[in-house]
């Protein structure tokens, strides 16, 4: 048995963790986006249909811009679940869930970093939807055709866009 002296995942920022873990995949024919905001015991990936991702990001952005009020919990869409579960503890850590029920793990991010997390996710919207469209062969949103046509070959290969094979796509990091 050994104990790691320097491997403390709590020192990794939420933004960096998202950059390292964000991916788009197909689950039973449905394009899904997955990413973690933090690592360690009691945390888990945020997984949702790509069709719900834009509204989810909008909800987080709204809370990042306007603050958080306590709301009762219910079994709702990912964005509605964020609205109903978001809160901040005494140490300034914001937590929320994408889904409720057994095994649902909260995302946790410091209030100092929350705006940057929302900005990062906002910047991935078109790339996530485009990757989902390529994986499923179906249009996810009407705006996808325009954004795909506007990408040059260099931009399409850039680390700022989702790239990968036909079954699994991951966001390139810094």
N, C-alpha and C. Protein backbone atom coordinates (compact mmCIF):
# COMPACT_ATOMS: atom_id res chain seq x y z
N UNK A 1 0.85 -1.19 0.00
CA UNK A 1 0.00 0.00 0.00
C UNK A 1 0.88 1.24 0.00
N UNK A 2 0.48 2.24 -0.75
CA UNK A 2 1.22 3.49 -0.75
C UNK A 2 0.26 4.67 -0.72
N UNK A 3 0.76 5.79 -0.31
CA UNK A 3 -0.02 7.02 -0.24
C UNK A 3 0.67 8.05 -1.12
N UNK A 4 -0.07 8.59 -2.08
CA UNK A 4 0.49 9.61 -2.96
C UNK A 4 0.63 10.92 -2.21
N UNK A 5 1.80 11.50 -2.28
CA UNK A 5 2.05 12.75 -1.57
C UNK A 5 1.72 13.99 -2.41
N UNK A 6 1.76 13.85 -3.74
CA UNK A 6 1.57 15.01 -4.59
C UNK A 6 0.38 14.93 -5.52
N UNK A 7 -0.35 13.85 -5.51
CA UNK A 7 -1.47 13.67 -6.42
C UNK A 7 -2.76 14.12 -5.75
N UNK A 8 -2.97 15.44 -5.66
CA UNK A 8 -4.16 16.00 -5.03
C UNK A 8 -5.06 16.59 -6.10
N UNK A 9 -6.09 15.83 -6.51
CA UNK A 9 -6.99 16.27 -7.58
C UNK A 9 -7.77 17.53 -7.21
N UNK A 10 -7.86 17.86 -5.91
CA UNK A 10 -8.61 19.03 -5.51
C UNK A 10 -7.92 20.32 -5.94
N UNK A 11 -6.66 20.25 -6.32
CA UNK A 11 -5.94 21.44 -6.77
C UNK A 11 -6.16 21.72 -8.24
N UNK A 12 -6.79 20.81 -8.97
CA UNK A 12 -7.07 21.02 -10.39
C UNK A 12 -8.31 21.89 -10.50
N UNK A 13 -8.23 22.96 -11.30
CA UNK A 13 -9.38 23.86 -11.46
C UNK A 13 -10.50 23.15 -12.21
N UNK A 14 -11.70 23.64 -12.02
CA UNK A 14 -12.86 23.09 -12.74
C UNK A 14 -12.69 23.28 -14.24
N UNK A 15 -12.17 24.42 -14.65
CA UNK A 15 -11.98 24.70 -16.07
C UNK A 15 -11.00 23.69 -16.66
N UNK A 16 -9.90 23.44 -15.97
CA UNK A 16 -8.92 22.48 -16.48
C UNK A 16 -9.51 21.07 -16.52
N UNK A 17 -10.27 20.70 -15.51
CA UNK A 17 -10.88 19.37 -15.47
C UNK A 17 -11.87 19.21 -16.62
N UNK A 18 -12.66 20.24 -16.91
CA UNK A 18 -13.59 20.18 -18.04
C UNK A 18 -12.80 19.99 -19.34
N UNK A 19 -11.75 20.77 -19.51
CA UNK A 19 -10.93 20.67 -20.73
C UNK A 19 -10.37 19.26 -20.91
N UNK A 20 -10.01 18.61 -19.82
CA UNK A 20 -9.41 17.27 -19.88
C UNK A 20 -10.44 16.16 -20.07
N UNK A 21 -11.70 16.40 -19.71
CA UNK A 21 -12.67 15.31 -19.69
C UNK A 21 -13.84 15.44 -20.66
N UNK A 22 -14.03 16.59 -21.29
CA UNK A 22 -15.22 16.79 -22.13
C UNK A 22 -15.15 15.90 -23.38
N UNK A 23 -16.26 15.21 -23.64
CA UNK A 23 -16.36 14.36 -24.83
C UNK A 23 -17.81 14.30 -25.28
N UNK A 24 -17.98 13.91 -26.53
CA UNK A 24 -19.30 13.67 -27.10
C UNK A 24 -19.30 12.24 -27.63
N UNK A 25 -20.34 11.49 -27.32
CA UNK A 25 -20.43 10.10 -27.76
C UNK A 25 -21.88 9.78 -28.09
N UNK A 26 -22.07 8.59 -28.67
CA UNK A 26 -23.42 8.10 -28.94
C UNK A 26 -23.78 7.04 -27.91
N UNK A 27 -24.93 7.18 -27.28
CA UNK A 27 -25.46 6.17 -26.38
C UNK A 27 -26.83 5.78 -26.88
N UNK A 28 -26.96 4.55 -27.36
CA UNK A 28 -28.22 4.06 -27.93
C UNK A 28 -28.74 5.01 -29.02
N UNK A 29 -27.82 5.52 -29.85
CA UNK A 29 -28.19 6.38 -30.95
C UNK A 29 -28.40 7.84 -30.59
N UNK A 30 -28.27 8.19 -29.31
CA UNK A 30 -28.46 9.56 -28.87
C UNK A 30 -27.11 10.22 -28.62
N UNK A 31 -26.82 11.35 -29.27
CA UNK A 31 -25.57 12.07 -28.97
C UNK A 31 -25.59 12.59 -27.53
N UNK A 32 -24.54 12.27 -26.79
CA UNK A 32 -24.42 12.66 -25.39
C UNK A 32 -23.13 13.45 -25.18
N UNK A 33 -23.19 14.48 -24.34
CA UNK A 33 -21.99 15.22 -23.95
C UNK A 33 -21.69 14.85 -22.50
N UNK A 34 -20.41 14.67 -22.21
CA UNK A 34 -19.98 14.27 -20.88
C UNK A 34 -18.74 15.07 -20.49
N UNK A 35 -18.70 15.50 -19.24
CA UNK A 35 -17.52 16.18 -18.72
C UNK A 35 -17.60 16.20 -17.20
N UNK A 36 -16.45 16.30 -16.57
CA UNK A 36 -16.39 16.44 -15.12
C UNK A 36 -15.93 17.86 -14.81
N UNK A 37 -16.36 18.38 -13.67
CA UNK A 37 -15.89 19.69 -13.22
C UNK A 37 -14.89 19.54 -12.08
N UNK A 38 -14.92 18.39 -11.45
CA UNK A 38 -14.00 18.11 -10.37
C UNK A 38 -13.82 16.61 -10.28
N UNK A 39 -12.82 16.20 -9.53
CA UNK A 39 -12.51 14.78 -9.41
C UNK A 39 -12.48 14.38 -7.95
N UNK A 40 -12.54 13.11 -7.73
CA UNK A 40 -12.43 12.60 -6.37
C UNK A 40 -13.73 12.01 -5.88
N UNK A 41 -13.67 11.53 -4.67
CA UNK A 41 -14.83 10.88 -4.06
C UNK A 41 -16.01 11.85 -3.98
N UNK A 42 -17.18 11.35 -4.34
CA UNK A 42 -18.39 12.15 -4.27
C UNK A 42 -18.61 13.04 -5.49
N UNK A 43 -17.79 12.88 -6.50
CA UNK A 43 -17.97 13.67 -7.71
C UNK A 43 -18.12 12.73 -8.88
N UNK A 44 -18.63 13.24 -9.98
CA UNK A 44 -18.82 12.40 -11.15
C UNK A 44 -19.02 13.25 -12.38
N UNK A 45 -19.06 12.60 -13.51
CA UNK A 45 -19.23 13.30 -14.78
C UNK A 45 -20.65 13.84 -14.90
N UNK A 46 -20.77 14.97 -15.57
CA UNK A 46 -22.05 15.53 -15.95
C UNK A 46 -22.34 14.97 -17.33
N UNK A 47 -23.40 14.18 -17.47
CA UNK A 47 -23.73 13.52 -18.73
C UNK A 47 -25.16 13.88 -19.11
N UNK A 48 -25.34 14.33 -20.36
CA UNK A 48 -26.68 14.70 -20.80
C UNK A 48 -26.76 14.62 -22.31
N UNK A 49 -27.97 14.51 -22.85
CA UNK A 49 -28.12 14.57 -24.30
C UNK A 49 -27.64 15.92 -24.82
N UNK A 50 -26.98 15.91 -25.97
CA UNK A 50 -26.50 17.15 -26.58
C UNK A 50 -27.68 18.10 -26.83
N UNK A 51 -28.84 17.55 -27.12
CA UNK A 51 -30.02 18.38 -27.36
C UNK A 51 -30.36 19.25 -26.14
N UNK A 52 -29.95 18.85 -24.94
CA UNK A 52 -30.21 19.61 -23.71
C UNK A 52 -29.05 20.52 -23.32
N UNK A 53 -27.89 20.38 -23.99
CA UNK A 53 -26.66 21.06 -23.57
C UNK A 53 -26.76 22.58 -23.66
N UNK A 54 -27.32 23.12 -24.74
CA UNK A 54 -27.40 24.57 -24.92
C UNK A 54 -28.23 25.21 -23.80
N UNK A 55 -29.37 24.63 -23.49
CA UNK A 55 -30.20 25.17 -22.41
C UNK A 55 -29.49 25.05 -21.06
N UNK A 56 -28.80 23.94 -20.84
CA UNK A 56 -28.02 23.73 -19.61
C UNK A 56 -26.97 24.83 -19.45
N UNK A 57 -26.21 25.10 -20.53
CA UNK A 57 -25.17 26.12 -20.47
C UNK A 57 -25.80 27.50 -20.24
N UNK A 58 -26.92 27.76 -20.88
CA UNK A 58 -27.62 29.02 -20.67
C UNK A 58 -28.04 29.20 -19.22
N UNK A 59 -28.50 28.12 -18.62
CA UNK A 59 -28.91 28.16 -17.21
C UNK A 59 -27.72 28.47 -16.31
N UNK A 60 -26.59 27.79 -16.54
CA UNK A 60 -25.39 28.06 -15.74
C UNK A 60 -24.92 29.49 -15.94
N UNK A 61 -24.95 29.96 -17.18
CA UNK A 61 -24.53 31.33 -17.47
C UNK A 61 -25.40 32.34 -16.74
N UNK A 62 -26.70 32.09 -16.72
CA UNK A 62 -27.62 32.97 -16.01
C UNK A 62 -27.28 33.04 -14.52
N UNK A 63 -27.00 31.89 -13.91
CA UNK A 63 -26.62 31.88 -12.50
C UNK A 63 -25.27 32.54 -12.27
N UNK A 64 -24.33 32.33 -13.19
CA UNK A 64 -23.02 32.97 -13.06
C UNK A 64 -23.15 34.49 -13.13
N UNK A 65 -24.06 34.97 -13.97
CA UNK A 65 -24.25 36.40 -14.15
C UNK A 65 -25.13 37.04 -13.08
N UNK A 66 -26.12 36.31 -12.56
CA UNK A 66 -27.14 36.91 -11.70
C UNK A 66 -27.20 36.39 -10.27
N UNK A 67 -26.43 35.38 -9.92
CA UNK A 67 -26.46 34.85 -8.56
C UNK A 67 -27.39 33.66 -8.42
N UNK A 68 -27.42 33.11 -7.22
CA UNK A 68 -28.12 31.85 -6.96
C UNK A 68 -29.12 32.04 -5.82
N UNK A 69 -30.36 31.61 -6.03
CA UNK A 69 -31.39 31.55 -5.00
C UNK A 69 -31.71 30.09 -4.76
N UNK A 70 -32.14 29.74 -3.56
CA UNK A 70 -32.52 28.36 -3.26
C UNK A 70 -33.84 28.01 -3.94
N UNK A 71 -33.89 26.83 -4.56
CA UNK A 71 -35.07 26.37 -5.30
C UNK A 71 -35.33 24.91 -4.90
N UNK A 72 -36.60 24.49 -4.73
CA UNK A 72 -36.88 23.09 -4.38
C UNK A 72 -36.46 22.11 -5.48
N UNK A 73 -36.10 20.88 -5.09
CA UNK A 73 -35.62 19.87 -6.03
C UNK A 73 -36.77 19.10 -6.66
N UNK A 74 -36.62 18.72 -7.94
CA UNK A 74 -37.61 17.90 -8.66
C UNK A 74 -36.90 17.12 -9.76
N UNK A 75 -37.57 16.15 -10.36
CA UNK A 75 -37.02 15.35 -11.46
C UNK A 75 -37.34 16.05 -12.77
N UNK A 76 -36.35 16.75 -13.33
CA UNK A 76 -36.58 17.63 -14.47
C UNK A 76 -35.52 17.44 -15.55
N UNK A 77 -35.55 18.28 -16.60
CA UNK A 77 -34.51 18.27 -17.64
C UNK A 77 -33.18 18.69 -16.99
N UNK A 78 -32.03 18.48 -17.68
CA UNK A 78 -30.75 18.90 -17.09
C UNK A 78 -30.74 20.37 -16.67
N UNK A 79 -31.24 21.27 -17.51
CA UNK A 79 -31.25 22.69 -17.16
C UNK A 79 -32.16 22.95 -15.96
N UNK A 80 -33.34 22.33 -15.95
CA UNK A 80 -34.26 22.52 -14.83
C UNK A 80 -33.69 21.91 -13.55
N UNK A 81 -32.97 20.80 -13.67
CA UNK A 81 -32.36 20.18 -12.51
C UNK A 81 -31.28 21.09 -11.94
N UNK A 82 -30.48 21.73 -12.81
CA UNK A 82 -29.50 22.70 -12.32
C UNK A 82 -30.23 23.80 -11.55
N UNK A 83 -31.30 24.32 -12.13
CA UNK A 83 -32.06 25.40 -11.47
C UNK A 83 -32.55 24.97 -10.09
N UNK A 84 -32.92 23.72 -9.96
CA UNK A 84 -33.51 23.27 -8.70
C UNK A 84 -32.48 22.78 -7.69
N UNK A 85 -31.25 22.51 -8.10
CA UNK A 85 -30.26 21.95 -7.17
C UNK A 85 -29.08 22.86 -6.90
N UNK A 86 -28.95 23.96 -7.63
CA UNK A 86 -27.77 24.80 -7.49
C UNK A 86 -27.76 25.50 -6.13
N UNK A 87 -26.60 25.56 -5.55
CA UNK A 87 -26.43 26.23 -4.27
C UNK A 87 -24.96 26.48 -4.00
N UNK A 88 -24.69 27.30 -3.01
CA UNK A 88 -23.31 27.61 -2.65
C UNK A 88 -23.15 27.36 -1.16
N UNK A 89 -22.04 26.70 -0.79
CA UNK A 89 -21.79 26.43 0.62
C UNK A 89 -21.04 27.58 1.28
N UNK A 90 -20.74 27.43 2.57
CA UNK A 90 -20.08 28.48 3.34
C UNK A 90 -18.66 28.76 2.87
N UNK A 91 -18.06 27.83 2.13
CA UNK A 91 -16.69 28.00 1.65
C UNK A 91 -16.66 28.56 0.23
N UNK A 92 -17.81 28.93 -0.32
CA UNK A 92 -17.86 29.50 -1.66
C UNK A 92 -17.82 28.48 -2.78
N UNK A 93 -18.19 27.23 -2.48
CA UNK A 93 -18.23 26.19 -3.50
C UNK A 93 -19.66 26.05 -3.99
N UNK A 94 -19.83 26.21 -5.30
CA UNK A 94 -21.15 26.07 -5.93
C UNK A 94 -21.30 24.62 -6.37
N UNK A 95 -22.42 24.02 -6.06
CA UNK A 95 -22.68 22.65 -6.50
C UNK A 95 -24.07 22.57 -7.13
N UNK A 96 -24.20 21.63 -8.05
CA UNK A 96 -25.47 21.39 -8.73
C UNK A 96 -25.40 20.05 -9.41
N UNK A 97 -26.57 19.54 -9.80
CA UNK A 97 -26.66 18.26 -10.50
C UNK A 97 -27.30 18.47 -11.87
N UNK A 98 -27.01 17.52 -12.77
CA UNK A 98 -27.61 17.49 -14.10
C UNK A 98 -28.85 16.60 -14.09
N UNK A 99 -28.82 15.60 -13.22
CA UNK A 99 -29.96 14.70 -13.09
C UNK A 99 -30.11 14.35 -11.62
N UNK A 100 -31.28 13.86 -11.27
CA UNK A 100 -31.51 13.45 -9.89
C UNK A 100 -31.64 11.94 -9.86
N UNK A 101 -31.73 11.40 -8.68
CA UNK A 101 -31.90 9.97 -8.55
C UNK A 101 -30.64 9.30 -8.04
N UNK A 102 -30.73 8.00 -7.90
CA UNK A 102 -29.65 7.20 -7.37
C UNK A 102 -28.38 7.36 -8.22
N UNK A 103 -27.28 7.63 -7.57
CA UNK A 103 -26.00 7.74 -8.24
C UNK A 103 -25.71 9.09 -8.88
N UNK A 104 -26.65 10.02 -8.84
CA UNK A 104 -26.42 11.35 -9.42
C UNK A 104 -25.40 12.09 -8.57
N UNK A 105 -24.32 12.50 -9.19
CA UNK A 105 -23.24 13.19 -8.49
C UNK A 105 -23.27 14.67 -8.84
N UNK A 106 -23.00 15.52 -7.86
CA UNK A 106 -23.00 16.95 -8.16
C UNK A 106 -21.70 17.40 -8.81
N UNK A 107 -21.81 18.43 -9.61
CA UNK A 107 -20.63 19.17 -10.07
C UNK A 107 -20.33 20.17 -8.97
N UNK A 108 -19.07 20.41 -8.72
CA UNK A 108 -18.67 21.38 -7.70
C UNK A 108 -17.62 22.30 -8.31
N UNK A 109 -17.81 23.59 -8.11
CA UNK A 109 -16.87 24.58 -8.65
C UNK A 109 -16.83 25.78 -7.71
N UNK A 110 -15.66 26.36 -7.53
CA UNK A 110 -15.55 27.52 -6.64
C UNK A 110 -16.29 28.70 -7.27
N UNK A 111 -16.86 29.54 -6.42
CA UNK A 111 -17.59 30.70 -6.91
C UNK A 111 -16.67 31.63 -7.69
N UNK A 112 -15.38 31.67 -7.34
CA UNK A 112 -14.42 32.50 -8.06
C UNK A 112 -14.24 32.04 -9.50
N UNK A 113 -14.43 30.75 -9.76
CA UNK A 113 -14.19 30.17 -11.08
C UNK A 113 -15.47 29.93 -11.88
N UNK A 114 -16.62 30.11 -11.24
CA UNK A 114 -17.90 29.75 -11.85
C UNK A 114 -18.16 30.49 -13.16
N UNK A 115 -17.90 31.78 -13.21
CA UNK A 115 -18.10 32.54 -14.44
C UNK A 115 -17.23 32.03 -15.57
N UNK A 116 -15.98 31.67 -15.26
CA UNK A 116 -15.07 31.15 -16.28
C UNK A 116 -15.54 29.78 -16.78
N UNK A 117 -16.10 28.96 -15.87
CA UNK A 117 -16.65 27.66 -16.27
C UNK A 117 -17.80 27.87 -17.24
N UNK A 118 -18.73 28.78 -16.90
CA UNK A 118 -19.86 29.04 -17.78
C UNK A 118 -19.38 29.56 -19.13
N UNK A 119 -18.36 30.43 -19.13
CA UNK A 119 -17.81 30.96 -20.39
C UNK A 119 -17.18 29.86 -21.23
N UNK A 120 -16.44 28.95 -20.59
CA UNK A 120 -15.83 27.83 -21.31
C UNK A 120 -16.91 26.96 -21.95
N UNK A 121 -17.94 26.62 -21.19
CA UNK A 121 -19.01 25.78 -21.71
C UNK A 121 -19.75 26.48 -22.85
N UNK A 122 -19.99 27.78 -22.70
CA UNK A 122 -20.64 28.56 -23.76
C UNK A 122 -19.82 28.47 -25.05
N UNK A 123 -18.50 28.49 -24.92
CA UNK A 123 -17.62 28.41 -26.07
C UNK A 123 -17.60 27.05 -26.75
N UNK A 124 -18.12 26.01 -26.08
CA UNK A 124 -18.13 24.67 -26.66
C UNK A 124 -19.45 24.31 -27.33
N UNK A 125 -20.47 25.15 -27.22
CA UNK A 125 -21.81 24.80 -27.71
C UNK A 125 -21.81 24.33 -29.16
N UNK A 126 -21.30 25.14 -30.07
CA UNK A 126 -21.34 24.77 -31.49
C UNK A 126 -20.51 23.52 -31.76
N UNK A 127 -19.34 23.39 -31.11
CA UNK A 127 -18.48 22.23 -31.34
C UNK A 127 -19.15 20.95 -30.82
N UNK A 128 -19.80 21.02 -29.66
CA UNK A 128 -20.49 19.84 -29.11
C UNK A 128 -21.63 19.42 -30.04
N UNK A 129 -22.43 20.39 -30.47
CA UNK A 129 -23.56 20.07 -31.35
C UNK A 129 -23.07 19.57 -32.70
N UNK A 130 -21.98 20.13 -33.21
CA UNK A 130 -21.42 19.68 -34.48
C UNK A 130 -20.91 18.25 -34.36
N UNK A 131 -20.21 17.95 -33.28
CA UNK A 131 -19.72 16.58 -33.07
C UNK A 131 -20.88 15.60 -32.96
N UNK A 132 -21.93 16.01 -32.26
CA UNK A 132 -23.10 15.14 -32.14
C UNK A 132 -23.73 14.89 -33.50
N UNK A 133 -23.79 15.92 -34.32
CA UNK A 133 -24.35 15.78 -35.66
C UNK A 133 -23.53 14.81 -36.50
N UNK A 134 -22.21 14.94 -36.42
CA UNK A 134 -21.33 14.04 -37.19
C UNK A 134 -21.45 12.60 -36.68
N UNK A 135 -21.57 12.43 -35.37
CA UNK A 135 -21.68 11.08 -34.81
C UNK A 135 -23.00 10.41 -35.18
N UNK A 136 -24.07 11.17 -35.11
CA UNK A 136 -25.39 10.58 -35.32
C UNK A 136 -25.85 10.66 -36.77
N UNK A 137 -25.20 11.49 -37.55
CA UNK A 137 -25.61 11.67 -38.94
C UNK A 137 -26.89 12.45 -39.07
N UNK A 138 -27.32 13.10 -38.00
CA UNK A 138 -28.56 13.87 -38.01
C UNK A 138 -28.28 15.27 -37.50
N UNK A 139 -29.07 16.19 -37.95
CA UNK A 139 -28.97 17.58 -37.53
C UNK A 139 -29.45 17.70 -36.09
N UNK A 140 -28.65 18.33 -35.20
CA UNK A 140 -29.05 18.52 -33.82
C UNK A 140 -29.81 19.84 -33.68
N UNK A 141 -29.29 20.91 -34.31
CA UNK A 141 -29.97 22.19 -34.32
C UNK A 141 -29.82 22.80 -35.70
N UNK A 142 -30.72 23.68 -36.12
CA UNK A 142 -30.62 24.30 -37.43
C UNK A 142 -29.33 25.09 -37.62
N UNK A 143 -28.75 25.63 -36.55
CA UNK A 143 -27.55 26.45 -36.66
C UNK A 143 -26.31 25.63 -37.00
N UNK A 144 -26.38 24.31 -36.88
CA UNK A 144 -25.20 23.49 -37.11
C UNK A 144 -24.69 23.57 -38.55
N UNK A 145 -25.57 23.58 -39.52
CA UNK A 145 -25.12 23.61 -40.91
C UNK A 145 -24.26 24.84 -41.17
N UNK A 146 -24.70 26.00 -40.69
CA UNK A 146 -23.94 27.23 -40.88
C UNK A 146 -22.58 27.14 -40.23
N UNK A 147 -22.52 26.71 -38.96
CA UNK A 147 -21.25 26.69 -38.25
C UNK A 147 -20.29 25.68 -38.87
N UNK A 148 -20.79 24.55 -39.36
CA UNK A 148 -19.92 23.57 -39.99
C UNK A 148 -19.34 24.12 -41.30
N UNK A 149 -20.16 24.83 -42.07
CA UNK A 149 -19.70 25.38 -43.34
C UNK A 149 -18.68 26.48 -43.13
N UNK A 150 -18.78 27.21 -42.02
CA UNK A 150 -17.89 28.33 -41.76
C UNK A 150 -16.50 27.91 -41.30
N UNK A 151 -16.31 26.64 -40.90
CA UNK A 151 -15.02 26.18 -40.41
C UNK A 151 -14.07 25.92 -41.57
N UNK A 152 -12.88 26.52 -41.47
CA UNK A 152 -11.85 26.19 -42.45
C UNK A 152 -11.24 24.85 -42.05
N UNK A 153 -10.43 24.25 -42.94
CA UNK A 153 -9.77 22.99 -42.60
C UNK A 153 -8.89 23.16 -41.38
N UNK A 154 -8.19 24.31 -41.26
CA UNK A 154 -7.32 24.55 -40.10
C UNK A 154 -8.13 24.64 -38.82
N UNK A 155 -9.27 25.35 -38.87
CA UNK A 155 -10.11 25.48 -37.68
C UNK A 155 -10.70 24.13 -37.28
N UNK A 156 -11.09 23.34 -38.24
CA UNK A 156 -11.69 22.04 -37.94
C UNK A 156 -10.68 21.12 -37.26
N UNK A 157 -9.38 21.31 -37.54
CA UNK A 157 -8.34 20.48 -36.94
C UNK A 157 -7.77 21.10 -35.67
N UNK A 158 -8.19 22.32 -35.31
CA UNK A 158 -7.68 23.02 -34.15
C UNK A 158 -8.07 22.32 -32.86
N UNK A 159 -7.25 22.49 -31.82
CA UNK A 159 -7.56 21.92 -30.51
C UNK A 159 -8.77 22.57 -29.86
N UNK A 160 -9.24 23.71 -30.41
CA UNK A 160 -10.38 24.39 -29.84
C UNK A 160 -11.70 23.74 -30.24
N UNK A 161 -11.66 22.80 -31.18
CA UNK A 161 -12.87 22.13 -31.65
C UNK A 161 -12.84 20.67 -31.25
N UNK A 162 -14.00 20.06 -31.18
CA UNK A 162 -14.08 18.64 -30.89
C UNK A 162 -13.53 17.87 -32.07
N UNK A 163 -12.73 16.87 -31.80
CA UNK A 163 -12.17 16.06 -32.87
C UNK A 163 -12.03 14.63 -32.40
N UNK A 164 -11.93 13.72 -33.32
CA UNK A 164 -11.79 12.32 -32.93
C UNK A 164 -12.33 11.42 -34.01
N UNK A 165 -12.63 10.15 -33.64
CA UNK A 165 -13.14 9.22 -34.64
C UNK A 165 -14.65 9.32 -34.72
N UNK A 166 -15.27 8.43 -35.48
CA UNK A 166 -16.71 8.53 -35.72
C UNK A 166 -17.57 8.08 -34.55
N UNK A 167 -17.01 7.42 -33.57
CA UNK A 167 -17.81 6.94 -32.45
C UNK A 167 -17.60 7.72 -31.17
N UNK A 168 -16.52 8.48 -31.09
CA UNK A 168 -16.20 9.17 -29.84
C UNK A 168 -15.41 10.42 -30.16
N UNK A 169 -15.83 11.56 -29.65
CA UNK A 169 -15.14 12.79 -29.94
C UNK A 169 -14.79 13.47 -28.62
N UNK A 170 -13.60 14.04 -28.53
CA UNK A 170 -13.15 14.65 -27.29
C UNK A 170 -12.63 16.04 -27.53
N UNK A 171 -12.78 16.92 -26.56
CA UNK A 171 -12.33 18.29 -26.68
C UNK A 171 -10.86 18.36 -26.39
N UNK A 172 -10.10 18.95 -27.30
CA UNK A 172 -8.66 19.11 -27.11
C UNK A 172 -8.37 20.10 -26.00
N UNK A 173 -7.33 19.87 -25.24
CA UNK A 173 -6.95 20.77 -24.14
C UNK A 173 -5.86 21.69 -24.57
N UNK A 174 -5.38 22.47 -23.58
CA UNK A 174 -4.30 23.41 -23.85
C UNK A 174 -2.97 22.73 -23.80
